[in-house]
């Protein structure tokens, strides 16, 4: 997830702040922090059965956002 957000930030589809890389580890640290906080919030809100049912929806949203980004770039 973090690499997708990083790539989209490099292309200008989301905020550029997510494209910053930690020099020592060469990882998109702000995208990692954002994904971790977002996952923690979802874990606190929903129970396990609901999260399992939402996994397919998350995959669909990820593919749809990448496809929309490709359309915007074209």
N, C-alpha and C. Protein backbone atom coordinates (compact mmCIF):
# COMPACT_ATOMS: atom_id res chain seq x y z
N UNK A 1 0.82 -1.19 0.00
CA UNK A 1 0.00 0.00 0.00
C UNK A 1 0.87 1.26 0.00
N UNK A 2 1.93 1.23 0.77
CA UNK A 2 2.75 2.44 0.87
C UNK A 2 3.47 2.75 -0.43
N UNK A 3 3.87 1.73 -1.15
CA UNK A 3 4.54 1.96 -2.44
C UNK A 3 3.58 2.53 -3.47
N UNK A 4 2.32 2.12 -3.41
CA UNK A 4 1.31 2.67 -4.32
C UNK A 4 1.09 4.15 -4.01
N UNK A 5 0.97 4.48 -2.73
CA UNK A 5 0.80 5.88 -2.34
C UNK A 5 2.03 6.69 -2.74
N UNK A 6 3.22 6.12 -2.56
CA UNK A 6 4.45 6.79 -2.95
C UNK A 6 4.49 7.06 -4.45
N UNK A 7 4.13 6.07 -5.24
CA UNK A 7 4.13 6.24 -6.70
C UNK A 7 3.11 7.28 -7.14
N UNK A 8 1.95 7.25 -6.51
CA UNK A 8 0.92 8.23 -6.86
C UNK A 8 1.36 9.64 -6.45
N UNK A 9 2.07 9.76 -5.34
CA UNK A 9 2.57 11.07 -4.92
C UNK A 9 3.64 11.58 -5.87
N UNK A 10 4.48 10.69 -6.35
CA UNK A 10 5.49 11.09 -7.34
C UNK A 10 4.85 11.59 -8.63
N UNK A 11 3.73 10.99 -9.02
CA UNK A 11 3.03 11.38 -10.23
C UNK A 11 2.14 12.61 -10.04
N UNK A 12 1.97 13.03 -8.80
CA UNK A 12 1.16 14.21 -8.53
C UNK A 12 -0.32 13.91 -8.34
N UNK A 13 -0.68 12.66 -8.10
CA UNK A 13 -2.09 12.30 -7.94
C UNK A 13 -2.58 12.46 -6.51
N UNK A 14 -1.67 12.39 -5.56
CA UNK A 14 -1.99 12.67 -4.15
C UNK A 14 -0.97 13.69 -3.66
N UNK A 15 -1.04 14.05 -2.42
CA UNK A 15 -0.15 15.07 -1.87
C UNK A 15 1.32 14.69 -2.03
N UNK A 16 2.14 15.64 -2.41
CA UNK A 16 3.58 15.40 -2.64
C UNK A 16 4.32 15.02 -1.36
N UNK A 17 3.76 15.32 -0.21
CA UNK A 17 4.43 15.03 1.05
C UNK A 17 4.60 13.52 1.24
N UNK A 18 3.74 12.70 0.61
CA UNK A 18 3.85 11.25 0.73
C UNK A 18 4.99 10.68 -0.11
N UNK A 19 5.63 11.51 -0.93
CA UNK A 19 6.73 11.04 -1.77
C UNK A 19 8.09 11.25 -1.11
N UNK A 20 8.12 11.81 0.08
CA UNK A 20 9.40 12.01 0.77
C UNK A 20 9.96 10.67 1.23
N UNK A 21 11.27 10.52 1.03
CA UNK A 21 11.95 9.27 1.35
C UNK A 21 12.93 9.50 2.50
N UNK A 22 12.96 8.58 3.44
CA UNK A 22 13.92 8.62 4.53
C UNK A 22 15.29 8.24 3.96
N UNK A 23 16.29 9.13 4.04
CA UNK A 23 17.59 8.87 3.39
C UNK A 23 18.31 7.62 3.90
N UNK A 24 18.21 7.36 5.19
CA UNK A 24 18.95 6.23 5.76
C UNK A 24 18.38 4.89 5.29
N UNK A 25 17.06 4.75 5.29
CA UNK A 25 16.43 3.48 4.94
C UNK A 25 15.90 3.43 3.50
N UNK A 26 15.82 4.59 2.87
CA UNK A 26 15.30 4.70 1.50
C UNK A 26 13.88 4.15 1.38
N UNK A 27 13.04 4.54 2.33
CA UNK A 27 11.64 4.14 2.32
C UNK A 27 10.75 5.38 2.40
N UNK A 28 9.55 5.30 1.84
CA UNK A 28 8.61 6.43 1.94
C UNK A 28 7.97 6.46 3.33
N UNK A 29 8.64 7.12 4.26
CA UNK A 29 8.25 7.02 5.67
C UNK A 29 6.91 7.68 5.97
N UNK A 30 6.58 8.78 5.33
CA UNK A 30 5.28 9.41 5.61
C UNK A 30 4.13 8.58 5.08
N UNK A 31 4.33 7.92 3.95
CA UNK A 31 3.31 7.01 3.43
C UNK A 31 3.13 5.82 4.37
N UNK A 32 4.23 5.34 4.96
CA UNK A 32 4.16 4.23 5.92
C UNK A 32 3.41 4.65 7.18
N UNK A 33 3.71 5.85 7.66
CA UNK A 33 3.03 6.35 8.87
C UNK A 33 1.55 6.53 8.60
N UNK A 34 1.21 7.11 7.45
CA UNK A 34 -0.19 7.30 7.09
C UNK A 34 -0.92 5.97 6.99
N UNK A 35 -0.33 4.99 6.33
CA UNK A 35 -0.97 3.68 6.18
C UNK A 35 -1.13 3.00 7.53
N UNK A 36 -0.14 3.13 8.41
CA UNK A 36 -0.23 2.54 9.74
C UNK A 36 -1.32 3.16 10.59
N UNK A 37 -1.41 4.48 10.56
CA UNK A 37 -2.46 5.16 11.33
C UNK A 37 -3.84 4.83 10.79
N UNK A 38 -3.96 4.80 9.46
CA UNK A 38 -5.24 4.47 8.84
C UNK A 38 -5.65 3.04 9.20
N UNK A 39 -4.71 2.10 9.16
CA UNK A 39 -5.01 0.71 9.52
C UNK A 39 -5.38 0.58 10.99
N UNK A 40 -4.70 1.33 11.85
CA UNK A 40 -5.01 1.28 13.29
C UNK A 40 -6.41 1.82 13.56
N UNK A 41 -6.78 2.88 12.89
CA UNK A 41 -8.12 3.45 13.08
C UNK A 41 -9.18 2.46 12.63
N UNK A 42 -8.96 1.82 11.46
CA UNK A 42 -9.93 0.82 10.99
C UNK A 42 -10.02 -0.36 11.94
N UNK A 43 -8.91 -0.75 12.53
CA UNK A 43 -8.90 -1.87 13.47
C UNK A 43 -9.67 -1.53 14.74
N UNK A 44 -9.57 -0.29 15.17
CA UNK A 44 -10.30 0.12 16.38
C UNK A 44 -11.80 0.25 16.13
N UNK A 45 -12.18 0.61 14.92
CA UNK A 45 -13.59 0.85 14.62
C UNK A 45 -14.35 -0.45 14.35
N UNK A 46 -13.76 -1.36 13.55
CA UNK A 46 -14.46 -2.55 13.11
C UNK A 46 -13.97 -3.79 13.84
N UNK A 47 -14.84 -4.83 13.90
CA UNK A 47 -14.38 -6.10 14.44
C UNK A 47 -13.80 -6.95 13.31
N UNK A 48 -13.25 -8.10 13.66
CA UNK A 48 -12.49 -8.91 12.70
C UNK A 48 -13.35 -9.38 11.53
N UNK A 49 -14.57 -9.81 11.79
CA UNK A 49 -15.42 -10.29 10.69
C UNK A 49 -15.73 -9.18 9.69
N UNK A 50 -15.96 -8.00 10.17
CA UNK A 50 -16.22 -6.88 9.27
C UNK A 50 -14.98 -6.53 8.46
N UNK A 51 -13.81 -6.58 9.08
CA UNK A 51 -12.57 -6.29 8.35
C UNK A 51 -12.30 -7.32 7.27
N UNK A 52 -12.61 -8.58 7.55
CA UNK A 52 -12.43 -9.63 6.54
C UNK A 52 -13.35 -9.38 5.36
N UNK A 53 -14.58 -8.97 5.64
CA UNK A 53 -15.52 -8.68 4.56
C UNK A 53 -15.10 -7.43 3.77
N UNK A 54 -14.39 -6.50 4.40
CA UNK A 54 -13.97 -5.28 3.72
C UNK A 54 -12.68 -5.44 2.92
N UNK A 55 -11.99 -6.59 3.05
CA UNK A 55 -10.74 -6.78 2.31
C UNK A 55 -10.95 -6.69 0.80
N UNK A 56 -12.01 -7.29 0.30
CA UNK A 56 -12.29 -7.22 -1.13
C UNK A 56 -12.59 -5.79 -1.56
N UNK A 57 -13.27 -5.05 -0.72
CA UNK A 57 -13.57 -3.66 -1.03
C UNK A 57 -12.30 -2.83 -1.08
N UNK A 58 -11.37 -3.10 -0.18
CA UNK A 58 -10.09 -2.37 -0.17
C UNK A 58 -9.29 -2.63 -1.43
N UNK A 59 -9.28 -3.87 -1.89
CA UNK A 59 -8.58 -4.20 -3.13
C UNK A 59 -9.23 -3.50 -4.31
N UNK A 60 -10.54 -3.47 -4.33
CA UNK A 60 -11.26 -2.79 -5.40
C UNK A 60 -10.96 -1.30 -5.40
N UNK A 61 -10.92 -0.69 -4.24
CA UNK A 61 -10.62 0.74 -4.15
C UNK A 61 -9.20 1.02 -4.61
N UNK A 62 -8.25 0.16 -4.25
CA UNK A 62 -6.86 0.36 -4.68
C UNK A 62 -6.75 0.29 -6.19
N UNK A 63 -7.35 -0.71 -6.80
CA UNK A 63 -7.31 -0.83 -8.26
C UNK A 63 -8.02 0.33 -8.94
N UNK A 64 -9.16 0.75 -8.36
CA UNK A 64 -9.90 1.86 -8.95
C UNK A 64 -9.13 3.17 -8.87
N UNK A 65 -8.43 3.39 -7.75
CA UNK A 65 -7.67 4.63 -7.63
C UNK A 65 -6.48 4.66 -8.59
N UNK A 66 -5.83 3.52 -8.78
CA UNK A 66 -4.72 3.46 -9.73
C UNK A 66 -5.24 3.64 -11.15
N UNK A 67 -6.36 3.02 -11.47
CA UNK A 67 -6.94 3.18 -12.81
C UNK A 67 -7.38 4.61 -13.07
N UNK A 68 -7.97 5.25 -12.07
CA UNK A 68 -8.37 6.64 -12.21
C UNK A 68 -7.14 7.54 -12.39
N UNK A 69 -6.09 7.23 -11.66
CA UNK A 69 -4.85 7.99 -11.82
C UNK A 69 -4.27 7.86 -13.22
N UNK A 70 -4.33 6.65 -13.78
CA UNK A 70 -3.85 6.46 -15.15
C UNK A 70 -4.69 7.25 -16.14
N UNK A 71 -5.99 7.30 -15.93
CA UNK A 71 -6.85 8.08 -16.81
C UNK A 71 -6.56 9.57 -16.70
N UNK A 72 -6.30 10.03 -15.49
CA UNK A 72 -5.99 11.46 -15.30
C UNK A 72 -4.69 11.82 -15.97
N UNK A 73 -3.70 10.94 -15.88
CA UNK A 73 -2.40 11.22 -16.48
C UNK A 73 -2.47 11.20 -18.01
N UNK A 74 -3.36 10.48 -18.57
CA UNK A 74 -3.50 10.42 -20.03
C UNK A 74 -4.19 11.67 -20.50
